[in-house]
N, C-alpha and C. Protein backbone atom coordinates (compact mmCIF):
# COMPACT_ATOMS: atom_id res chain seq x y z
N MET A 1 -79.39 52.51 228.80
CA MET A 1 -78.02 52.68 229.90
C MET A 1 -77.03 53.14 229.36
N GLY A 2 -76.57 54.17 230.46
CA GLY A 2 -75.27 54.86 229.52
C GLY A 2 -73.80 54.68 230.63
N THR A 3 -72.86 54.31 230.14
CA THR A 3 -71.41 53.89 230.81
C THR A 3 -70.78 54.66 230.92
N GLY A 4 -70.81 56.23 231.25
CA GLY A 4 -70.07 57.05 231.41
C GLY A 4 -70.33 58.42 230.89
N SER A 5 -69.57 59.06 230.29
CA SER A 5 -69.97 60.51 229.62
C SER A 5 -71.21 60.31 228.61
N GLU A 6 -71.48 59.14 228.28
CA GLU A 6 -72.79 58.96 227.34
C GLU A 6 -73.75 58.89 228.13
N THR A 7 -73.98 58.98 229.56
CA THR A 7 -75.21 58.93 230.29
C THR A 7 -75.77 60.18 229.72
N GLU A 8 -75.10 60.90 229.54
CA GLU A 8 -75.66 62.83 229.45
C GLU A 8 -76.64 62.54 227.73
N LEU A 9 -75.90 61.68 227.03
CA LEU A 9 -76.64 61.42 226.04
C LEU A 9 -77.92 60.71 225.86
N VAL A 10 -77.60 59.63 226.79
CA VAL A 10 -78.82 59.09 226.87
C VAL A 10 -80.25 59.68 227.55
N VAL A 11 -79.80 60.43 228.09
CA VAL A 11 -80.87 61.06 229.39
C VAL A 11 -81.45 62.38 228.21
N GLU A 12 -80.62 62.70 227.23
CA GLU A 12 -81.39 63.76 226.37
C GLU A 12 -82.20 62.85 225.29
N ALA A 13 -81.83 61.57 224.79
CA ALA A 13 -82.77 60.74 223.93
C ALA A 13 -83.80 59.96 224.90
N ALA A 14 -83.76 59.84 225.99
CA ALA A 14 -84.96 59.76 227.00
C ALA A 14 -86.15 60.91 227.02
N LYS A 15 -85.47 62.09 227.07
CA LYS A 15 -86.71 62.96 226.87
C LYS A 15 -87.28 63.38 225.65
N GLU A 16 -86.61 63.01 224.25
CA GLU A 16 -86.95 62.95 223.41
C GLU A 16 -87.89 61.95 222.95
N LEU A 17 -87.94 60.76 223.68
CA LEU A 17 -88.82 59.71 223.52
C LEU A 17 -89.70 59.78 224.42
N ARG A 18 -89.92 60.78 225.42
CA ARG A 18 -90.77 60.95 226.14
C ARG A 18 -91.93 61.52 225.83
N LYS A 19 -91.39 62.82 225.04
CA LYS A 19 -92.41 63.62 224.40
C LYS A 19 -93.06 62.93 223.37
N SER A 20 -92.72 61.57 222.78
CA SER A 20 -93.65 60.64 221.78
C SER A 20 -94.34 59.95 222.73
N GLY A 21 -94.38 60.46 223.61
CA GLY A 21 -95.21 59.12 224.69
C GLY A 21 -94.82 57.92 225.22
N LYS A 22 -93.62 57.76 224.79
CA LYS A 22 -92.83 56.57 224.89
C LYS A 22 -92.42 56.53 226.69
N THR A 23 -92.44 55.60 227.79
CA THR A 23 -92.10 55.06 228.72
C THR A 23 -90.83 54.94 228.67
N VAL A 24 -89.74 55.78 228.98
CA VAL A 24 -88.57 55.33 229.16
C VAL A 24 -87.78 55.58 230.53
N ARG A 25 -86.78 54.88 230.91
CA ARG A 25 -86.07 54.79 232.20
C ARG A 25 -84.50 55.09 231.96
N VAL A 26 -83.71 55.53 232.70
CA VAL A 26 -82.33 55.83 232.01
C VAL A 26 -81.66 55.35 233.27
N VAL A 27 -80.77 54.56 232.81
CA VAL A 27 -79.58 53.90 233.63
C VAL A 27 -78.04 53.98 233.71
N SER A 28 -77.61 54.65 234.74
CA SER A 28 -76.19 54.45 234.83
C SER A 28 -75.44 53.70 235.36
N ALA A 29 -74.64 53.05 234.20
CA ALA A 29 -73.91 51.91 234.64
C ALA A 29 -72.73 51.93 234.37
N PRO A 30 -71.39 52.48 235.00
CA PRO A 30 -70.50 52.72 234.34
C PRO A 30 -69.72 51.60 234.43
N CYS A 31 -69.88 50.39 234.56
CA CYS A 31 -69.00 49.52 234.40
C CYS A 31 -69.71 47.95 234.81
N VAL A 32 -69.85 47.12 234.00
CA VAL A 32 -70.31 45.92 233.84
C VAL A 32 -69.94 45.18 234.70
N ASP A 33 -68.57 44.94 234.97
CA ASP A 33 -68.08 44.10 235.95
C ASP A 33 -68.79 44.59 237.66
N ARG A 34 -68.57 45.83 237.94
CA ARG A 34 -69.03 46.16 239.43
C ARG A 34 -70.48 46.14 239.18
N PHE A 35 -71.39 45.74 237.84
CA PHE A 35 -72.73 45.67 238.13
C PHE A 35 -73.03 44.42 238.33
N GLU A 36 -72.29 43.43 237.89
CA GLU A 36 -72.14 41.88 238.25
C GLU A 36 -72.06 41.44 239.42
N GLU A 37 -71.00 42.17 239.98
CA GLU A 37 -71.07 41.98 241.79
C GLU A 37 -71.70 42.10 242.23
N GLN A 38 -73.00 43.01 242.01
CA GLN A 38 -73.95 43.30 243.19
C GLN A 38 -74.90 42.48 243.39
N ASP A 39 -75.64 42.33 244.11
CA ASP A 39 -76.73 40.84 244.39
C ASP A 39 -77.78 41.17 243.50
N ALA A 40 -78.34 39.77 243.73
CA ALA A 40 -79.77 39.78 242.81
C ALA A 40 -80.55 40.75 242.56
N ALA A 41 -81.30 40.65 244.23
CA ALA A 41 -82.03 42.15 244.27
C ALA A 41 -81.55 43.28 243.86
N TYR A 42 -80.58 44.07 243.97
CA TYR A 42 -80.30 44.87 243.45
C TYR A 42 -80.52 45.10 241.77
N LYS A 43 -79.58 43.84 241.50
CA LYS A 43 -79.43 43.32 239.79
C LYS A 43 -81.34 43.60 239.10
N GLU A 44 -82.45 43.25 240.04
CA GLU A 44 -83.69 43.04 239.39
C GLU A 44 -84.16 44.55 239.57
N SER A 45 -83.76 45.08 240.52
CA SER A 45 -84.34 46.55 240.90
C SER A 45 -83.69 47.55 239.54
N VAL A 46 -82.60 47.42 239.23
CA VAL A 46 -82.13 48.09 238.22
C VAL A 46 -82.57 47.74 237.12
N LEU A 47 -82.27 46.54 236.14
CA LEU A 47 -82.70 46.20 234.89
C LEU A 47 -83.82 45.28 234.88
N PRO A 48 -85.00 45.08 235.67
CA PRO A 48 -85.98 44.05 236.05
C PRO A 48 -86.15 43.11 234.61
N LYS A 49 -85.93 41.86 235.21
CA LYS A 49 -86.60 40.81 234.41
C LYS A 49 -87.67 40.76 233.33
N ALA A 50 -88.76 41.43 233.76
CA ALA A 50 -90.01 41.77 233.01
C ALA A 50 -89.39 42.97 231.51
N VAL A 51 -88.82 43.25 231.74
CA VAL A 51 -88.24 44.37 230.71
C VAL A 51 -87.46 43.37 229.77
N PRO A 52 -87.68 42.69 228.40
CA PRO A 52 -86.75 42.08 227.60
C PRO A 52 -85.69 42.77 227.23
N THR A 53 -84.28 42.45 227.09
CA THR A 53 -83.33 42.76 226.51
C THR A 53 -83.49 43.51 225.29
N SER A 54 -84.67 42.97 224.64
CA SER A 54 -84.47 43.63 223.05
C SER A 54 -85.20 45.16 223.43
N LYS A 55 -85.51 45.88 224.31
CA LYS A 55 -86.09 47.24 224.95
C LYS A 55 -85.00 48.09 225.78
N VAL A 56 -83.33 47.23 225.75
CA VAL A 56 -82.71 47.81 226.17
C VAL A 56 -81.45 48.15 225.35
N LEU A 57 -81.09 49.49 225.67
CA LEU A 57 -80.05 50.07 224.84
C LEU A 57 -79.11 50.40 225.71
N VAL A 58 -77.58 49.70 225.23
CA VAL A 58 -76.40 50.48 225.97
C VAL A 58 -75.80 51.29 225.10
N ALA A 59 -75.63 52.70 225.60
CA ALA A 59 -74.39 53.55 225.05
C ALA A 59 -73.17 53.82 225.46
N GLU A 60 -72.45 53.25 225.35
CA GLU A 60 -70.52 52.71 225.72
C GLU A 60 -69.66 53.48 224.52
N ALA A 61 -68.81 54.03 224.71
CA ALA A 61 -67.69 54.80 224.15
C ALA A 61 -66.73 54.05 223.62
N ALA A 62 -66.86 52.54 224.50
CA ALA A 62 -65.81 51.18 224.20
C ALA A 62 -66.86 50.30 223.49
N ALA A 63 -66.21 48.99 223.45
CA ALA A 63 -66.95 47.88 222.74
C ALA A 63 -68.08 47.61 223.86
N SER A 64 -68.89 46.71 223.22
CA SER A 64 -70.45 46.54 223.87
C SER A 64 -70.15 44.97 224.44
N TYR A 65 -68.87 44.78 224.95
CA TYR A 65 -68.63 43.39 225.36
C TYR A 65 -68.98 43.27 227.03
N GLY A 66 -69.60 42.51 227.28
CA GLY A 66 -69.93 42.31 228.60
C GLY A 66 -71.43 42.68 228.97
N TRP A 67 -71.88 43.23 227.87
CA TRP A 67 -73.52 43.92 228.14
C TRP A 67 -74.59 43.29 227.16
N HIS A 68 -74.06 42.46 226.32
CA HIS A 68 -74.97 41.60 225.64
C HIS A 68 -76.26 40.66 226.78
N LYS A 69 -75.70 40.19 227.84
CA LYS A 69 -76.84 39.80 228.76
C LYS A 69 -77.68 40.35 229.26
N TYR A 70 -77.62 41.80 229.28
CA TYR A 70 -78.49 42.70 229.80
C TYR A 70 -79.20 43.74 228.97
N ALA A 71 -78.72 43.63 227.42
CA ALA A 71 -79.16 44.82 226.91
C ALA A 71 -78.99 43.99 225.09
N GLY A 72 -79.93 44.74 224.39
CA GLY A 72 -80.15 43.90 223.06
C GLY A 72 -79.98 44.86 221.96
N ASN A 73 -79.52 45.85 222.33
CA ASN A 73 -79.40 46.92 221.23
C ASN A 73 -78.29 47.82 221.97
N PHE A 74 -76.78 48.43 221.01
CA PHE A 74 -76.01 48.79 221.39
C PHE A 74 -75.50 50.06 220.47
N VAL A 75 -75.30 51.21 221.22
CA VAL A 75 -74.23 52.58 220.09
C VAL A 75 -72.96 52.35 220.79
N CYS A 76 -72.03 51.31 220.30
CA CYS A 76 -70.34 50.91 220.46
C CYS A 76 -69.53 50.86 219.87
N ILE A 77 -68.61 50.76 220.27
CA ILE A 77 -67.41 50.87 219.13
C ILE A 77 -66.77 49.57 219.11
N ASP A 78 -67.26 48.70 218.44
CA ASP A 78 -66.46 47.07 218.50
C ASP A 78 -65.33 46.80 217.82
N THR A 79 -65.06 47.87 217.07
CA THR A 79 -64.11 47.86 216.04
C THR A 79 -63.19 48.90 215.92
N PHE A 80 -61.63 48.81 215.49
CA PHE A 80 -61.22 49.80 215.59
C PHE A 80 -60.31 50.10 214.04
N GLY A 81 -60.08 51.12 213.50
CA GLY A 81 -59.18 51.14 212.39
C GLY A 81 -60.64 51.50 211.09
């Protein structure tokens, strides 16, 4: 999942993973709050429960806060300084 300008990096990483035979899906999710406002059917269509969070990665230029219920892997900045 990419949350903004990071989505381009996620798309490029997905291309490389596909070359090695991996099945990869990219989701652009700019705001966890907006995502949580959506109905259950929409959320299921974007992030199926059949895909364990251990197989979901979020790339976020800021903190990983809020994404932990949807992903188990993060490329984020959770500290400052």
